[in-house]
Amino acid sequence: MKNMPRFRELLKKGLKLLKPGGKLIYSTCTFTLEENEQLVKEVCDEVGGVELAEQTPFIGDPGFEDLVEA
């Protein structure tokens, strides 16, 4: 989770660069909830004016909480 501050800043900057109606795809190489779903929700709430698209198809379960090692 050492990369979380970097992920947060990248996501915030990407959202600020979007044109109205633009789309941003956020993808990581981790399964943790904290670095994926939770981070996206927090940043979107913080930035505001963002509409999350439904994940279709949704494959697998939501991320793993507090995953330290796989």
C-alpha atoms as a PDB file:
ATOM      1  CA  MET A   1       0.000   0.000   0.000  1.00  0.00           C
ATOM      2  CA  LYS A   2       3.046   2.207  -0.233  1.00  0.00           C
ATOM      3  CA  ASN A   3       1.853   3.417  -3.650  1.00  0.00           C
ATOM      4  CA  MET A   4      -1.521   4.643  -2.432  1.00  0.00           C
ATOM      5  CA  PRO A   5      -0.509   8.324  -2.183  1.00  0.00           C
ATOM      6  CA  ARG A   6       0.839   8.125  -5.747  1.00  0.00           C
ATOM      7  CA  PHE A   7      -2.343   6.414  -7.002  1.00  0.00           C
ATOM      8  CA  ARG A   8      -4.468   9.058  -5.256  1.00  0.00           C
ATOM      9  CA  GLU A   9      -2.573  11.952  -6.861  1.00  0.00           C
ATOM     10  CA  LEU A  10      -2.602  10.350 -10.329  1.00  0.00           C
ATOM     11  CA  LEU A  11      -6.343   9.761 -10.122  1.00  0.00           C
ATOM     12  CA  LYS A  12      -7.040  13.312  -8.887  1.00  0.00           C
ATOM     13  CA  LYS A  13      -4.903  14.857 -11.627  1.00  0.00           C
ATOM     14  CA  GLY A  14      -6.496  12.662 -14.270  1.00  0.00           C
ATOM     15  CA  LEU A  15      -9.993  13.660 -13.173  1.00  0.00           C
ATOM     16  CA  LYS A  16      -9.095  17.351 -13.218  1.00  0.00           C
ATOM     17  CA  LEU A  17      -7.797  17.034 -16.795  1.00  0.00           C
ATOM     18  CA  LEU A  18     -11.004  15.486 -18.138  1.00  0.00           C
ATOM     19  CA  LYS A  19     -13.213  17.499 -20.443  1.00  0.00           C
ATOM     20  CA  PRO A  20     -16.922  17.558 -19.580  1.00  0.00           C
ATOM     21  CA  GLY A  21     -18.367  14.173 -20.506  1.00  0.00           C
ATOM     22  CA  GLY A  22     -14.879  12.658 -20.694  1.00  0.00           C
ATOM     23  CA  LYS A  23     -14.027   9.184 -19.437  1.00  0.00           C
ATOM     24  CA  LEU A  24     -11.171   8.039 -17.248  1.00  0.00           C
ATOM     25  CA  ILE A  25     -10.230   4.404 -16.749  1.00  0.00           C
ATOM     26  CA  TYR A  26      -8.437   3.581 -13.511  1.00  0.00           C
ATOM     27  CA  SER A  27      -6.655   0.258 -13.344  1.00  0.00           C
ATOM     28  CA  THR A  28      -4.079  -1.201 -10.965  1.00  0.00           C
ATOM     29  CA  CYS A  29      -2.188  -4.455 -10.651  1.00  0.00           C
ATOM     30  CA  THR A  30      -3.488  -5.070  -7.135  1.00  0.00           C
ATOM     31  CA  PHE A  31      -6.569  -6.750  -5.668  1.00  0.00           C
ATOM     32  CA  THR A  32      -6.852  -4.602  -2.548  1.00  0.00           C
ATOM     33  CA  LEU A  33     -10.067  -2.730  -1.896  1.00  0.00           C
ATOM     34  CA  GLU A  34      -8.086   0.181  -0.448  1.00  0.00           C
ATOM     35  CA  GLU A  35      -6.140   0.776  -3.671  1.00  0.00           C
ATOM     36  CA  ASN A  36      -9.101   0.219  -5.978  1.00  0.00           C
ATOM     37  CA  GLU A  37     -12.802   0.631  -5.186  1.00  0.00           C
ATOM     38  CA  GLN A  38     -12.296   2.511  -1.922  1.00  0.00           C
ATOM     39  CA  LEU A  39      -9.701   4.898  -3.351  1.00  0.00           C
ATOM     40  CA  VAL A  40     -11.824   5.648  -6.426  1.00  0.00           C
ATOM     41  CA  LYS A  41     -14.872   6.425  -4.274  1.00  0.00           C
ATOM     42  CA  GLU A  42     -12.880   8.662  -1.906  1.00  0.00           C
ATOM     43  CA  VAL A  43     -11.229  10.639  -4.706  1.00  0.00           C
ATOM     44  CA  CYS A  44     -14.487  11.014  -6.660  1.00  0.00           C
ATOM     45  CA  ASP A  45     -16.249  12.279  -3.529  1.00  0.00           C
ATOM     46  CA  GLU A  46     -13.380  14.689  -2.872  1.00  0.00           C
ATOM     47  CA  VAL A  47     -13.159  16.047  -6.432  1.00  0.00           C
ATOM     48  CA  GLY A  48     -16.932  16.114  -6.983  1.00  0.00           C
ATOM     49  CA  GLY A  49     -18.880  16.225 -10.218  1.00  0.00           C
ATOM     50  CA  VAL A  50     -17.862  12.669 -11.133  1.00  0.00           C
ATOM     51  CA  GLU A  51     -20.258   9.945 -12.170  1.00  0.00           C
ATOM     52  CA  LEU A  52     -19.027   6.375 -11.749  1.00  0.00           C
ATOM     53  CA  ALA A  53     -19.955   3.987 -14.529  1.00  0.00           C
ATOM     54  CA  GLU A  54     -21.325   0.564 -13.723  1.00  0.00           C
ATOM     55  CA  GLN A  55     -18.696  -2.151 -14.037  1.00  0.00           C
ATOM     56  CA  THR A  56     -20.065  -4.435 -16.698  1.00  0.00           C
ATOM     57  CA  PRO A  57     -19.320  -7.245 -16.731  1.00  0.00           C
ATOM     58  CA  PHE A  58     -18.226  -7.396 -13.118  1.00  0.00           C
ATOM     59  CA  ILE A  59     -15.746 -10.236 -12.780  1.00  0.00           C
ATOM     60  CA  GLY A  60     -14.927 -11.675  -9.371  1.00  0.00           C
ATOM     61  CA  ASP A  61     -15.612 -10.314  -5.920  1.00  0.00           C
ATOM     62  CA  PRO A  62     -14.888  -6.826  -4.602  1.00  0.00           C
ATOM     63  CA  GLY A  63     -11.240  -6.263  -3.602  1.00  0.00           C
ATOM     64  CA  PHE A  64      -9.605  -7.837  -0.600  1.00  0.00           C
ATOM     65  CA  GLU A  65      -9.302  -5.691   2.533  1.00  0.00           C
ATOM     66  CA  ASP A  66      -5.883  -5.353   4.170  1.00  0.00           C
ATOM     67  CA  LEU A  67      -4.231  -7.775   1.749  1.00  0.00           C
ATOM     68  CA  VAL A  68      -0.544  -7.827   2.638  1.00  0.00           C
ATOM     69  CA  GLU A  69       0.763 -10.747   0.622  1.00  0.00           C
ATOM     70  CA  ALA A  70      -0.593 -12.913  -2.164  1.00  0.00           C
END
